[in-house]
C-alpha atoms as a PDB file:
ATOM      1  CA  MET A   1       0.000   0.000   0.000  1.00  0.00           C
ATOM      2  CA  THR A   2       1.292   3.455  -0.865  1.00  0.00           C
ATOM      3  CA  MET A   3       1.373   6.460   1.423  1.00  0.00           C
ATOM      4  CA  LYS A   4       1.544  10.123   0.388  1.00  0.00           C
ATOM      5  CA  LEU A   5       3.577  12.322   2.734  1.00  0.00           C
ATOM      6  CA  TYR A   6       3.339  16.101   3.029  1.00  0.00           C
ATOM      7  CA  VAL A   7       6.762  17.753   3.306  1.00  0.00           C
ATOM      8  CA  GLY A   8       6.639  21.400   4.334  1.00  0.00           C
ATOM      9  CA  ASN A   9       8.854  24.321   5.242  1.00  0.00           C
ATOM     10  CA  LEU A  10      11.256  23.554   2.391  1.00  0.00           C
ATOM     11  CA  SER A  11      13.898  25.925   1.127  1.00  0.00           C
ATOM     12  CA  PHE A  12      12.868  27.532  -2.141  1.00  0.00           C
ATOM     13  CA  GLU A  13      16.114  26.098  -3.553  1.00  0.00           C
ATOM     14  CA  THR A  14      15.043  22.468  -2.864  1.00  0.00           C
ATOM     15  CA  THR A  15      14.535  20.351  -5.987  1.00  0.00           C
ATOM     16  CA  GLU A  16      12.558  17.176  -6.638  1.00  0.00           C
ATOM     17  CA  ASN A  17      15.877  15.343  -7.029  1.00  0.00           C
ATOM     18  CA  ASP A  18      16.964  16.531  -3.561  1.00  0.00           C
ATOM     19  CA  LEU A  19      13.796  15.079  -2.045  1.00  0.00           C
ATOM     20  CA  GLN A  20      14.078  11.869  -4.071  1.00  0.00           C
ATOM     21  CA  ASP A  21      17.639  11.320  -2.825  1.00  0.00           C
ATOM     22  CA  LEU A  22      16.682  12.072   0.780  1.00  0.00           C
ATOM     23  CA  PHE A  23      13.616   9.817   0.930  1.00  0.00           C
ATOM     24  CA  GLU A  24      15.245   6.936  -0.974  1.00  0.00           C
ATOM     25  CA  GLN A  25      17.476   6.470   2.070  1.00  0.00           C
ATOM     26  CA  HIS A  26      14.357   5.041   3.773  1.00  0.00           C
ATOM     27  CA  GLY A  27      12.831   3.031   0.925  1.00  0.00           C
ATOM     28  CA  LYS A  28      11.401   3.073  -2.572  1.00  0.00           C
ATOM     29  CA  VAL A  29       9.915   6.405  -3.648  1.00  0.00           C
ATOM     30  CA  GLY A  30       6.972   6.250  -6.022  1.00  0.00           C
ATOM     31  CA  GLU A  31       6.628   9.949  -6.833  1.00  0.00           C
ATOM     32  CA  VAL A  32       7.869  13.365  -5.767  1.00  0.00           C
ATOM     33  CA  ALA A  33       5.685  16.389  -6.502  1.00  0.00           C
ATOM     34  CA  LEU A  34       7.252  19.734  -5.613  1.00  0.00           C
ATOM     35  CA  MET A  35       4.556  22.407  -5.703  1.00  0.00           C
ATOM     36  CA  MET A  36       5.465  25.315  -7.971  1.00  0.00           C
ATOM     37  CA  ASP A  37       3.950  28.784  -8.310  1.00  0.00           C
ATOM     38  CA  ARG A  38       2.137  28.997 -11.660  1.00  0.00           C
ATOM     39  CA  MET A  39       3.021  32.642 -12.244  1.00  0.00           C
ATOM     40  CA  THR A  40       6.702  32.665 -11.258  1.00  0.00           C
ATOM     41  CA  GLY A  41       7.640  29.016 -11.792  1.00  0.00           C
ATOM     42  CA  LYS A  42       9.385  28.998  -8.403  1.00  0.00           C
ATOM     43  CA  SER A  43       8.925  26.541  -5.561  1.00  0.00           C
ATOM     44  CA  ARG A  44       6.103  27.199  -3.101  1.00  0.00           C
ATOM     45  CA  GLY A  45       8.106  25.589  -0.283  1.00  0.00           C
ATOM     46  CA  PHE A  46       6.232  22.295   0.072  1.00  0.00           C
ATOM     47  CA  ALA A  47       5.948  18.944  -1.658  1.00  0.00           C
ATOM     48  CA  PHE A  48       4.244  15.559  -1.598  1.00  0.00           C
ATOM     49  CA  VAL A  49       6.303  12.370  -1.594  1.00  0.00           C
ATOM     50  CA  THR A  50       4.633   9.021  -2.298  1.00  0.00           C
ATOM     51  CA  MET A  51       6.327   6.030  -0.684  1.00  0.00           C
ATOM     52  CA  ASN A  52       5.471   2.527  -1.913  1.00  0.00           C
ATOM     53  CA  ASP A  53       5.403   0.954   1.555  1.00  0.00           C
ATOM     54  CA  ASN A  54       3.751   2.226   4.745  1.00  0.00           C
ATOM     55  CA  ALA A  55       6.600   1.008   6.977  1.00  0.00           C
ATOM     56  CA  GLU A  56       9.152   2.817   4.825  1.00  0.00           C
ATOM     57  CA  ALA A  57       7.006   5.950   4.878  1.00  0.00           C
ATOM     58  CA  GLY A  58       6.879   5.762   8.668  1.00  0.00           C
ATOM     59  CA  ALA A  59      10.660   5.489   8.804  1.00  0.00           C
ATOM     60  CA  ALA A  60      11.018   8.528   6.558  1.00  0.00           C
END
């Protein structure tokens, strides 16, 4: 079963690859969605990370 995690208070310099690398230390990552401002194209400072296993998501 997959679990979607909210990740907030991120630096505006954080990239999806940064989050992927960080969360992969705890298990398989299904998806990383960094929320971007539609007008400026810059990060909004939060993201959603989908982990493929609930236990791995809990560890993250």
